[in-house]
Amino acid sequence: MVASVARQRPVAVLTNNGPLMAQAIPRIIPALFPALENRVLCSGMLGGRKPQVDVYAQALARLGARAAATLFVDDLFVNVQGARRAGLHADTVRDARSMRRVLVRYGLLGSG
C-alpha cells in the first residue's frame, strides 16, 4: 500500500530509532527504495524524540513539506497526538487493515 502511495506522492519515515535503523531500512523494506532515499529521519538527529512538536517541525523542514499537506501515521497514539499538535494530519495505524482505512480516507488509495 505504501509503495502504491509512493508512486504518486513523496513518502518518508520518522523514527525514534537511531541512525543504524536509517541504514538498515533499505534492507528491511527494499520495495520502498528509491522512494525513501534520503527520506528516513531519526528523531535524535532532529533534536528530540516523537511526540515532541519540534521534531515534526524539523522533519517537515528537512523534507520541504507543509504540515497541512502531510499525513503522519504511527502505531502509538501519543506520537499521533504530537503530530496533530504540529499541524499534521495524523492517525493511528497498527496493521494492514487500519493502514488501508486511513489511506482510503485521505484519498491516497482506492477503496477497491
N, C-alpha and C. Protein backbone atom coordinates (compact mmCIF):
# COMPACT_ATOMS: atom_id res chain seq x y z
N MET A 1 0.82 -1.20 0.00
CA MET A 1 0.00 0.00 0.00
C MET A 1 0.86 1.26 0.00
N VAL A 2 1.89 1.26 0.82
CA VAL A 2 2.77 2.43 0.89
C VAL A 2 3.51 2.60 -0.43
N ALA A 3 3.92 1.51 -1.03
CA ALA A 3 4.60 1.59 -2.33
C ALA A 3 3.67 2.20 -3.37
N SER A 4 2.40 1.88 -3.30
CA SER A 4 1.42 2.47 -4.21
C SER A 4 1.32 3.97 -3.99
N VAL A 5 1.27 4.39 -2.75
CA VAL A 5 1.23 5.83 -2.44
C VAL A 5 2.51 6.50 -2.91
N ALA A 6 3.64 5.83 -2.72
CA ALA A 6 4.94 6.41 -3.09
C ALA A 6 5.06 6.66 -4.58
N ARG A 7 4.28 5.96 -5.38
CA ARG A 7 4.31 6.20 -6.83
C ARG A 7 3.62 7.50 -7.20
N GLN A 8 2.78 8.04 -6.30
CA GLN A 8 2.05 9.27 -6.60
C GLN A 8 2.42 10.44 -5.70
N ARG A 9 2.96 10.17 -4.52
CA ARG A 9 3.30 11.21 -3.55
C ARG A 9 4.61 10.87 -2.86
N PRO A 10 5.33 11.88 -2.38
CA PRO A 10 6.55 11.57 -1.61
C PRO A 10 6.19 10.93 -0.27
N VAL A 11 6.99 9.97 0.15
CA VAL A 11 6.82 9.33 1.44
C VAL A 11 8.13 9.45 2.22
N ALA A 12 8.03 9.31 3.53
CA ALA A 12 9.22 9.40 4.38
C ALA A 12 8.98 8.58 5.64
N VAL A 13 10.04 8.37 6.39
CA VAL A 13 9.97 7.67 7.67
C VAL A 13 10.57 8.60 8.72
N LEU A 14 9.85 8.74 9.84
CA LEU A 14 10.37 9.44 11.01
C LEU A 14 10.38 8.43 12.14
N THR A 15 11.56 8.12 12.65
CA THR A 15 11.70 7.08 13.67
C THR A 15 12.43 7.60 14.89
N ASN A 16 12.07 7.06 16.04
CA ASN A 16 12.82 7.35 17.26
C ASN A 16 14.03 6.43 17.39
N ASN A 17 14.17 5.47 16.48
CA ASN A 17 15.35 4.62 16.47
C ASN A 17 16.56 5.44 16.03
N GLY A 18 17.73 4.93 16.29
CA GLY A 18 18.96 5.65 15.95
C GLY A 18 19.35 5.51 14.49
N PRO A 19 20.48 6.11 14.14
CA PRO A 19 20.95 6.12 12.75
C PRO A 19 21.17 4.74 12.13
N LEU A 20 21.41 3.73 12.96
CA LEU A 20 21.57 2.38 12.41
C LEU A 20 20.29 1.91 11.73
N MET A 21 19.15 2.34 12.26
CA MET A 21 17.87 1.98 11.64
C MET A 21 17.77 2.61 10.26
N ALA A 22 18.19 3.86 10.14
CA ALA A 22 18.14 4.52 8.83
C ALA A 22 18.99 3.76 7.82
N GLN A 23 20.11 3.22 8.27
CA GLN A 23 20.97 2.45 7.38
C GLN A 23 20.36 1.09 7.05
N ALA A 24 19.58 0.53 7.96
CA ALA A 24 19.02 -0.81 7.77
C ALA A 24 17.73 -0.81 6.95
N ILE A 25 17.02 0.30 6.92
CA ILE A 25 15.72 0.33 6.25
C ILE A 25 15.76 -0.13 4.79
N PRO A 26 16.78 0.21 4.02
CA PRO A 26 16.80 -0.31 2.63
C PRO A 26 16.77 -1.83 2.55
N ARG A 27 17.34 -2.49 3.55
CA ARG A 27 17.32 -3.96 3.58
C ARG A 27 16.01 -4.49 4.17
N ILE A 28 15.41 -3.71 5.08
CA ILE A 28 14.18 -4.15 5.74
C ILE A 28 12.98 -4.03 4.81
N ILE A 29 12.90 -2.91 4.09
CA ILE A 29 11.78 -2.67 3.17
C ILE A 29 12.30 -2.23 1.80
N PRO A 30 12.97 -3.13 1.10
CA PRO A 30 13.58 -2.77 -0.18
C PRO A 30 12.58 -2.31 -1.24
N ALA A 31 11.33 -2.72 -1.13
CA ALA A 31 10.33 -2.33 -2.13
C ALA A 31 10.08 -0.82 -2.13
N LEU A 32 10.43 -0.15 -1.03
CA LEU A 32 10.18 1.29 -0.95
C LEU A 32 11.38 2.13 -1.39
N PHE A 33 12.44 1.48 -1.80
CA PHE A 33 13.57 2.25 -2.31
C PHE A 33 13.52 2.22 -3.81
N PRO A 34 13.80 3.31 -4.50
CA PRO A 34 14.46 4.52 -4.00
C PRO A 34 13.52 5.59 -3.43
N ALA A 35 12.24 5.31 -3.26
CA ALA A 35 11.30 6.33 -2.76
C ALA A 35 11.72 6.89 -1.40
N LEU A 36 12.41 6.10 -0.59
CA LEU A 36 12.82 6.57 0.73
C LEU A 36 14.27 7.04 0.78
N GLU A 37 14.92 7.05 -0.34
CA GLU A 37 16.31 7.51 -0.38
C GLU A 37 16.40 8.92 0.21
N ASN A 38 17.22 9.08 1.24
CA ASN A 38 17.41 10.37 1.94
C ASN A 38 16.13 10.88 2.59
N ARG A 39 15.19 9.99 2.85
CA ARG A 39 13.90 10.40 3.44
C ARG A 39 13.58 9.57 4.69
N VAL A 40 14.60 9.01 5.31
CA VAL A 40 14.46 8.31 6.59
C VAL A 40 15.11 9.20 7.64
N LEU A 41 14.30 9.75 8.51
CA LEU A 41 14.78 10.71 9.50
C LEU A 41 14.72 10.10 10.90
N CYS A 42 15.80 10.23 11.64
CA CYS A 42 15.87 9.76 13.01
C CYS A 42 15.67 10.96 13.92
N SER A 43 14.73 10.84 14.83
CA SER A 43 14.34 11.98 15.66
C SER A 43 15.51 12.56 16.45
N GLY A 44 16.41 11.73 16.93
CA GLY A 44 17.55 12.23 17.69
C GLY A 44 18.40 13.20 16.90
N MET A 45 18.50 12.97 15.61
CA MET A 45 19.26 13.87 14.74
C MET A 45 18.50 15.18 14.48
N LEU A 46 17.24 15.20 14.88
CA LEU A 46 16.41 16.39 14.71
C LEU A 46 16.26 17.15 16.03
N GLY A 47 16.96 16.70 17.06
CA GLY A 47 16.97 17.42 18.32
C GLY A 47 15.97 16.98 19.36
N GLY A 48 15.40 15.80 19.22
CA GLY A 48 14.44 15.33 20.23
C GLY A 48 13.93 13.96 19.91
N ARG A 49 12.69 13.73 20.29
CA ARG A 49 12.03 12.45 20.03
C ARG A 49 10.55 12.71 19.78
N LYS A 50 9.93 11.84 18.98
CA LYS A 50 8.47 11.89 18.88
C LYS A 50 7.95 11.61 20.27
N PRO A 51 6.98 12.27 20.77
CA PRO A 51 5.98 13.14 20.16
C PRO A 51 6.25 14.64 20.30
N GLN A 52 7.51 15.05 20.53
CA GLN A 52 7.80 16.48 20.67
C GLN A 52 7.48 17.21 19.37
N VAL A 53 6.73 18.30 19.48
CA VAL A 53 6.29 19.06 18.31
C VAL A 53 7.47 19.52 17.47
N ASP A 54 8.55 19.93 18.10
CA ASP A 54 9.72 20.41 17.35
C ASP A 54 10.30 19.35 16.43
N VAL A 55 10.19 18.09 16.81
CA VAL A 55 10.72 17.02 15.96
C VAL A 55 9.96 16.96 14.64
N TYR A 56 8.65 17.10 14.70
CA TYR A 56 7.85 17.08 13.48
C TYR A 56 8.16 18.31 12.63
N ALA A 57 8.33 19.46 13.27
CA ALA A 57 8.66 20.69 12.53
C ALA A 57 10.01 20.55 11.84
N GLN A 58 10.98 19.99 12.53
CA GLN A 58 12.30 19.78 11.92
C GLN A 58 12.23 18.78 10.76
N ALA A 59 11.44 17.73 10.94
CA ALA A 59 11.28 16.74 9.87
C ALA A 59 10.65 17.38 8.64
N LEU A 60 9.61 18.16 8.85
CA LEU A 60 8.95 18.84 7.73
C LEU A 60 9.93 19.76 7.01
N ALA A 61 10.72 20.48 7.77
CA ALA A 61 11.69 21.40 7.16
C ALA A 61 12.71 20.63 6.33
N ARG A 62 13.21 19.52 6.85
CA ARG A 62 14.19 18.71 6.11
C ARG A 62 13.59 18.14 4.83
N LEU A 63 12.31 17.81 4.88
CA LEU A 63 11.65 17.20 3.73
C LEU A 63 11.07 18.23 2.76
N GLY A 64 11.07 19.50 3.17
CA GLY A 64 10.46 20.53 2.33
C GLY A 64 8.96 20.35 2.21
N ALA A 65 8.34 19.92 3.31
CA ALA A 65 6.91 19.63 3.31
C ALA A 65 6.16 20.61 4.22
N ARG A 66 4.87 20.76 3.94
CA ARG A 66 4.00 21.59 4.77
C ARG A 66 3.16 20.69 5.67
N ALA A 67 3.01 21.09 6.92
CA ALA A 67 2.26 20.29 7.88
C ALA A 67 0.84 20.03 7.39
N ALA A 68 0.17 21.04 6.89
CA ALA A 68 -1.23 20.91 6.49
C ALA A 68 -1.41 19.98 5.29
N ALA A 69 -0.32 19.68 4.58
CA ALA A 69 -0.40 18.80 3.41
C ALA A 69 0.28 17.45 3.67
N THR A 70 0.51 17.14 4.95
CA THR A 70 1.25 15.93 5.31
C THR A 70 0.41 15.01 6.17
N LEU A 71 0.41 13.73 5.82
CA LEU A 71 -0.25 12.69 6.62
C LEU A 71 0.83 11.93 7.37
N PHE A 72 0.66 11.80 8.67
CA PHE A 72 1.58 11.05 9.53
C PHE A 72 0.81 9.87 10.10
N VAL A 73 1.40 8.68 10.05
CA VAL A 73 0.80 7.51 10.67
C VAL A 73 1.81 6.89 11.63
N ASP A 74 1.30 6.34 12.72
CA ASP A 74 2.16 5.73 13.73
C ASP A 74 1.33 4.71 14.49
N ASP A 75 2.00 3.74 15.07
CA ASP A 75 1.27 2.75 15.86
C ASP A 75 1.02 3.22 17.28
N LEU A 76 1.65 4.31 17.69
CA LEU A 76 1.45 4.84 19.04
C LEU A 76 0.63 6.13 18.98
N PHE A 77 -0.49 6.14 19.67
CA PHE A 77 -1.38 7.30 19.65
C PHE A 77 -0.70 8.55 20.19
N VAL A 78 0.21 8.41 21.15
CA VAL A 78 0.90 9.58 21.69
C VAL A 78 1.70 10.28 20.58
N ASN A 79 2.27 9.53 19.66
CA ASN A 79 3.01 10.14 18.54
C ASN A 79 2.05 10.80 17.55
N VAL A 80 0.89 10.21 17.37
CA VAL A 80 -0.15 10.79 16.52
C VAL A 80 -0.59 12.13 17.12
N GLN A 81 -0.77 12.16 18.43
CA GLN A 81 -1.16 13.40 19.10
C GLN A 81 -0.10 14.49 18.90
N GLY A 82 1.17 14.12 19.01
CA GLY A 82 2.25 15.08 18.79
C GLY A 82 2.22 15.63 17.38
N ALA A 83 2.00 14.76 16.40
CA ALA A 83 1.92 15.20 15.01
C ALA A 83 0.75 16.14 14.80
N ARG A 84 -0.38 15.83 15.42
CA ARG A 84 -1.55 16.71 15.30
C ARG A 84 -1.26 18.07 15.92
N ARG A 85 -0.57 18.10 17.06
CA ARG A 85 -0.22 19.38 17.68
C ARG A 85 0.71 20.19 16.77
N ALA A 86 1.48 19.49 15.93
CA ALA A 86 2.38 20.16 14.99
C ALA A 86 1.66 20.57 13.70
N GLY A 87 0.36 20.26 13.61
CA GLY A 87 -0.43 20.68 12.46
C GLY A 87 -0.57 19.67 11.34
N LEU A 88 -0.03 18.47 11.53
CA LEU A 88 -0.14 17.43 10.51
C LEU A 88 -1.47 16.70 10.62
N HIS A 89 -1.92 16.13 9.53
CA HIS A 89 -3.00 15.15 9.58
C HIS A 89 -2.34 13.90 10.15
N ALA A 90 -2.98 13.21 11.05
CA ALA A 90 -2.33 12.06 11.68
C ALA A 90 -3.36 11.05 12.14
N ASP A 91 -2.95 9.77 12.08
CA ASP A 91 -3.84 8.71 12.51
C ASP A 91 -3.02 7.53 13.01
N THR A 92 -3.64 6.73 13.85
CA THR A 92 -3.00 5.54 14.39
C THR A 92 -3.22 4.38 13.42
N VAL A 93 -2.14 3.68 13.12
CA VAL A 93 -2.17 2.53 12.22
C VAL A 93 -1.40 1.40 12.88
N ARG A 94 -2.07 0.26 13.06
CA ARG A 94 -1.42 -0.87 13.74
C ARG A 94 -1.30 -2.11 12.86
N ASP A 95 -2.00 -2.11 11.73
CA ASP A 95 -1.96 -3.29 10.86
C ASP A 95 -2.36 -2.87 9.45
N ALA A 96 -2.34 -3.83 8.53
CA ALA A 96 -2.66 -3.52 7.13
C ALA A 96 -4.08 -3.00 6.98
N ARG A 97 -5.00 -3.55 7.73
CA ARG A 97 -6.40 -3.11 7.63
C ARG A 97 -6.55 -1.65 8.03
N SER A 98 -5.94 -1.25 9.14
CA SER A 98 -6.05 0.15 9.56
C SER A 98 -5.27 1.07 8.62
N MET A 99 -4.17 0.59 8.06
CA MET A 99 -3.43 1.40 7.08
C MET A 99 -4.29 1.64 5.85
N ARG A 100 -4.94 0.61 5.36
CA ARG A 100 -5.81 0.75 4.19
C ARG A 100 -6.93 1.75 4.48
N ARG A 101 -7.56 1.63 5.64
CA ARG A 101 -8.65 2.52 6.03
C ARG A 101 -8.19 3.99 6.02
N VAL A 102 -7.03 4.26 6.59
CA VAL A 102 -6.51 5.64 6.65
C VAL A 102 -6.16 6.15 5.26
N LEU A 103 -5.49 5.34 4.47
CA LEU A 103 -5.10 5.78 3.13
C LEU A 103 -6.32 6.03 2.25
N VAL A 104 -7.33 5.22 2.38
CA VAL A 104 -8.58 5.45 1.62
C VAL A 104 -9.24 6.73 2.10
N ARG A 105 -9.32 6.93 3.41
CA ARG A 105 -9.95 8.13 3.97
C ARG A 105 -9.30 9.41 3.44
N TYR A 106 -7.99 9.38 3.26
CA TYR A 106 -7.28 10.56 2.79
C TYR A 106 -7.14 10.60 1.26
N GLY A 107 -7.79 9.68 0.58
CA GLY A 107 -7.78 9.68 -0.87
C GLY A 107 -6.45 9.27 -1.48
N LEU A 108 -5.65 8.53 -0.73
CA LEU A 108 -4.34 8.11 -1.22
C LEU A 108 -4.34 6.70 -1.78
N LEU A 109 -5.47 6.02 -1.62
CA LEU A 109 -5.60 4.65 -2.09
C LEU A 109 -7.05 4.43 -2.46
N GLY A 110 -7.28 3.72 -3.55
CA GLY A 110 -8.65 3.42 -3.95
C GLY A 110 -9.32 2.50 -2.94
N SER A 111 -10.61 2.57 -2.86
CA SER A 111 -11.34 1.76 -1.89
C SER A 111 -11.54 0.33 -2.34
N GLY A 112 -11.23 0.01 -3.58
CA GLY A 112 -11.47 -1.33 -4.10
C GLY A 112 -10.42 -2.27 -3.88
